[in-house]
Amino acid sequence: IPLAVSKRNGRSIVCAFKLADLVAGGRLKADFGFSVQDHIGAVAVAADRQLLFGASWDTERVYVWDFQGRLQRTLTGAELKARGLGVGAGPEGRPGVAVQDWKFVGERLFASGLFRAPGSEAVTTESRIFWFTGFLEPDFQRWTVTLPRPKGIMLAREGMAVSDGKVGFLPEDLGGSNRMFRVSVPDLLQRGAAGPLGHTHPP
């Protein structure tokens, strides 16, 4: 879990907690943690490869650490642009998706976020979920689905979870409501191929 100061380039601490320690009413203590001199808003865990993927503010950078917190790789600029990620700042300005949350399921990296134009504080009407295979490889593949807006709600603006063949979105966790919206993974995969809700973006 990333604990971050809510500002661009702010300091973060990435913490690991034991599931057995999650007891109602108990005081939780991190089993392990390491600091990052950047705002890390989302962490994805590739358990089989023992790697952590961290997305910075607006996904301007993607960090890859091992399970000891040692930096293995940083993706910026052209590497992120090729993957459709990140809202480039300054001379690197470009449209892209700012990751709000992401999760590994087997070999697939599922991510959800908001499509934004550079230099704009307002998001467009597009809320997206996308998934990669071979994310770190030169021949990675990517599929993107533009999500609907039930009652005007942008589904991918906050937390996302993948469990039991479903994707759950929690877009209102900073508001007065905390409704969860769910869609099946097979349905998303089909839409990513056929696109009734959106379209596929080849790499």
Protein backbone atom coordinates (compact mmCIF):
# COMPACT_ATOMS: atom_id res chain seq x y z
CA ILE A 1 0.00 0.00 0.00
CA PRO A 2 1.44 3.42 -0.90
CA LEU A 3 1.12 6.14 1.74
CA ALA A 4 1.77 9.42 -0.04
CA VAL A 5 1.72 13.15 0.53
CA SER A 6 -1.06 14.44 -1.72
CA LYS A 7 1.01 16.62 -4.03
CA ARG A 8 3.05 16.19 -7.16
CA ASN A 9 6.59 14.94 -6.41
CA GLY A 10 5.67 14.48 -2.73
CA ARG A 11 7.32 11.82 -0.58
CA SER A 12 5.78 8.35 -0.22
CA ILE A 13 6.22 5.22 1.87
CA VAL A 14 5.33 1.86 0.31
CA CYS A 15 4.21 -0.55 3.05
CA ALA A 16 3.46 -4.27 3.22
CA PHE A 17 1.00 -5.67 5.77
CA LYS A 18 0.31 -9.26 6.74
CA LEU A 19 -3.27 -10.35 6.05
CA ALA A 20 -3.28 -12.19 9.38
CA ASP A 21 -2.77 -8.84 11.14
CA LEU A 22 -5.95 -7.34 9.67
CA VAL A 23 -8.12 -7.68 12.76
CA ALA A 24 -11.16 -5.51 13.36
CA GLY A 25 -10.44 -2.93 16.03
CA GLY A 26 -6.74 -3.78 16.08
CA ARG A 27 -3.81 -1.43 15.48
CA LEU A 28 -2.10 -2.26 12.20
CA LYS A 29 1.68 -2.22 11.92
CA ALA A 30 3.61 -2.48 8.67
CA ASP A 31 5.59 -5.69 8.24
CA PHE A 32 7.93 -3.95 5.80
CA GLY A 33 8.24 -0.57 4.11
CA PHE A 34 10.53 1.68 2.08
CA SER A 35 10.49 5.36 1.19
CA VAL A 36 10.25 6.93 -2.27
CA GLN A 37 11.10 10.52 -3.13
CA ASP A 38 8.02 10.88 -5.33
CA HIS A 39 4.25 10.69 -5.07
CA ILE A 40 3.22 7.06 -5.57
CA GLY A 41 -0.53 6.84 -6.03
CA ALA A 42 -0.90 3.20 -7.10
CA VAL A 43 1.05 -0.01 -6.56
CA ALA A 44 0.64 -3.29 -8.47
CA VAL A 45 2.22 -6.50 -7.15
CA ALA A 46 3.64 -9.09 -9.57
CA ALA A 47 3.93 -11.83 -6.96
CA ASP A 48 5.29 -14.51 -9.31
CA ARG A 49 8.18 -12.21 -10.33
CA GLN A 50 8.51 -10.60 -6.88
CA LEU A 51 8.23 -7.13 -8.37
CA LEU A 52 6.29 -4.01 -7.37
CA PHE A 53 5.10 -1.46 -9.94
CA GLY A 54 4.47 2.09 -8.73
CA ALA A 55 2.73 4.88 -10.67
CA SER A 56 3.59 8.50 -9.84
CA TRP A 57 1.31 11.57 -9.95
CA ASP A 58 -0.33 11.65 -13.41
CA THR A 59 1.81 8.56 -14.17
CA GLU A 60 4.70 10.76 -15.28
CA ARG A 61 6.94 7.93 -14.07
CA VAL A 62 6.53 4.21 -13.43
CA TYR A 63 8.91 2.61 -10.94
CA VAL A 64 9.72 -1.09 -10.66
CA TRP A 65 11.13 -2.39 -7.36
CA ASP A 66 11.93 -5.84 -6.05
CA PHE A 67 10.35 -7.09 -2.83
CA GLN A 68 13.21 -5.59 -0.83
CA GLY A 69 12.42 -2.12 -2.15
CA ARG A 70 15.43 -1.95 -4.47
CA LEU A 71 14.75 0.00 -7.66
CA GLN A 72 15.02 -2.19 -10.75
CA ARG A 73 13.80 0.14 -13.48
CA THR A 74 12.10 3.48 -14.14
CA LEU A 75 9.87 4.08 -17.17
CA THR A 76 9.44 7.65 -18.42
CA GLY A 77 8.89 9.63 -21.62
CA ALA A 78 8.79 7.53 -24.78
CA GLU A 79 8.32 4.23 -22.92
CA LEU A 80 5.18 5.52 -21.22
CA LYS A 81 3.93 7.24 -24.36
CA ALA A 82 4.16 3.94 -26.26
CA ARG A 83 1.96 2.37 -23.59
CA GLY A 84 -0.57 5.24 -23.63
CA LEU A 85 0.30 6.14 -20.05
CA GLY A 86 1.06 9.42 -18.36
CA VAL A 87 0.07 13.01 -18.86
CA GLY A 88 3.35 14.55 -19.98
CA ALA A 89 4.28 17.86 -18.33
CA GLY A 90 6.09 20.85 -19.86
CA PRO A 91 7.85 20.11 -23.16
CA GLU A 92 6.86 16.45 -22.73
CA GLY A 93 3.19 17.44 -22.73
CA ARG A 94 0.93 14.86 -24.35
CA PRO A 95 -2.47 13.30 -23.78
CA GLY A 96 -2.48 10.06 -21.83
CA VAL A 97 -4.04 8.03 -19.04
CA ALA A 98 -3.25 8.87 -15.42
CA VAL A 99 -3.39 5.54 -13.58
CA GLN A 100 -5.57 5.65 -10.48
CA ASP A 101 -5.16 1.99 -9.56
CA TRP A 102 -3.72 -1.18 -11.05
CA LYS A 103 -3.50 -4.88 -10.23
CA PHE A 104 -1.79 -7.98 -11.60
CA VAL A 105 -3.92 -11.04 -12.34
CA GLY A 106 -1.59 -13.76 -13.54
CA GLU A 107 0.35 -12.35 -16.49
CA ARG A 108 -2.13 -9.53 -17.11
CA LEU A 109 -1.64 -6.08 -15.64
CA PHE A 110 -5.06 -4.44 -15.24
CA ALA A 111 -5.09 -0.66 -14.79
CA SER A 112 -7.82 1.94 -14.53
CA GLY A 113 -7.55 5.68 -14.84
CA LEU A 114 -8.60 8.92 -16.47
CA PHE A 115 -7.66 10.19 -19.88
CA ARG A 116 -6.30 13.71 -19.54
CA ALA A 117 -4.87 16.39 -21.77
CA PRO A 118 -1.55 17.98 -20.75
CA GLY A 119 -1.75 21.18 -18.71
CA SER A 120 -5.42 20.64 -17.88
CA GLU A 121 -6.70 20.14 -14.36
CA ALA A 122 -10.06 18.98 -15.71
CA VAL A 123 -10.44 15.45 -17.00
CA THR A 124 -12.24 14.57 -20.19
CA THR A 125 -15.38 12.45 -20.22
CA GLU A 126 -13.28 9.32 -20.74
CA SER A 127 -12.69 6.89 -17.91
CA ARG A 128 -10.74 3.85 -19.03
CA ILE A 129 -9.66 0.39 -18.02
CA PHE A 130 -6.85 -1.27 -19.88
CA TRP A 131 -4.66 -4.32 -19.55
CA PHE A 132 -1.25 -5.35 -20.70
CA THR A 133 0.63 -8.54 -21.33
CA GLY A 134 4.42 -8.35 -21.22
CA PHE A 135 4.24 -4.83 -19.78
CA LEU A 136 8.02 -4.42 -19.47
CA GLU A 137 8.86 -6.11 -22.76
CA PRO A 138 9.44 -4.35 -26.11
CA ASP A 139 6.70 -6.50 -27.69
CA PHE A 140 4.10 -5.79 -24.97
CA GLN A 141 0.43 -5.81 -25.95
CA ARG A 142 -2.26 -3.44 -24.69
CA TRP A 143 -6.05 -3.36 -24.87
CA THR A 144 -8.19 -0.43 -23.78
CA VAL A 145 -11.89 -0.09 -23.04
CA THR A 146 -13.57 3.29 -22.55
CA LEU A 147 -15.97 2.83 -19.66
CA PRO A 148 -19.57 4.10 -19.54
CA ARG A 149 -20.63 6.83 -17.11
CA PRO A 150 -23.59 5.52 -15.09
CA LYS A 151 -25.48 8.60 -13.88
CA GLY A 152 -22.49 10.71 -14.94
CA ILE A 153 -20.03 8.90 -12.65
CA MET A 154 -16.51 8.32 -13.94
CA LEU A 155 -15.84 4.78 -12.76
CA ALA A 156 -12.03 4.88 -12.92
CA ARG A 157 -11.43 8.03 -10.85
CA GLU A 158 -10.33 6.23 -7.66
CA GLY A 159 -9.85 2.64 -6.44
CA MET A 160 -10.19 -0.55 -8.47
CA ALA A 161 -10.00 -4.24 -7.48
CA VAL A 162 -9.94 -7.47 -9.47
CA SER A 163 -11.33 -10.52 -7.67
CA ASP A 164 -13.32 -13.67 -8.47
CA GLY A 165 -13.52 -12.84 -12.15
CA LYS A 166 -14.92 -9.35 -11.59
CA VAL A 167 -13.55 -5.81 -11.59
CA GLY A 168 -14.87 -3.55 -8.86
CA PHE A 169 -14.71 0.24 -9.13
CA LEU A 170 -15.00 2.54 -6.11
CA PRO A 171 -15.20 5.97 -7.76
CA GLU A 172 -16.85 7.85 -4.89
CA ASP A 173 -14.56 6.98 -2.00
CA LEU A 174 -13.79 10.66 -1.41
CA GLY A 175 -17.44 11.70 -1.47
CA GLY A 176 -20.63 11.15 0.46
CA SER A 177 -21.28 7.76 -1.13
CA ASN A 178 -19.16 4.64 -1.38
CA ARG A 179 -21.00 2.55 -3.93
CA MET A 180 -19.09 -0.17 -5.75
CA PHE A 181 -19.68 -0.85 -9.44
CA ARG A 182 -18.77 -4.31 -10.76
CA VAL A 183 -18.26 -5.79 -14.21
CA SER A 184 -17.06 -9.27 -15.16
CA VAL A 185 -13.53 -9.73 -16.46
CA PRO A 186 -14.69 -11.93 -19.39
CA ASP A 187 -17.12 -9.14 -20.36
CA LEU A 188 -14.29 -6.60 -20.33
CA LEU A 189 -12.03 -8.88 -22.36
CA GLN A 190 -14.80 -9.33 -24.92
CA ARG A 191 -15.41 -5.59 -25.07
CA GLY A 192 -11.70 -5.00 -25.48
CA ALA A 193 -11.77 -7.23 -28.54
CA ALA A 194 -15.12 -6.16 -30.02
CA GLY A 195 -15.54 -2.75 -28.40
CA PRO A 196 -19.26 -2.08 -27.77
CA LEU A 197 -18.31 0.16 -24.83
CA GLY A 198 -15.08 1.45 -26.28
CA HIS A 199 -12.31 0.39 -28.58
CA THR A 200 -9.05 -1.45 -28.72
CA HIS A 201 -5.77 0.46 -28.94
CA PRO A 202 -3.08 -1.79 -30.45
CA PRO A 203 0.48 -1.17 -29.25
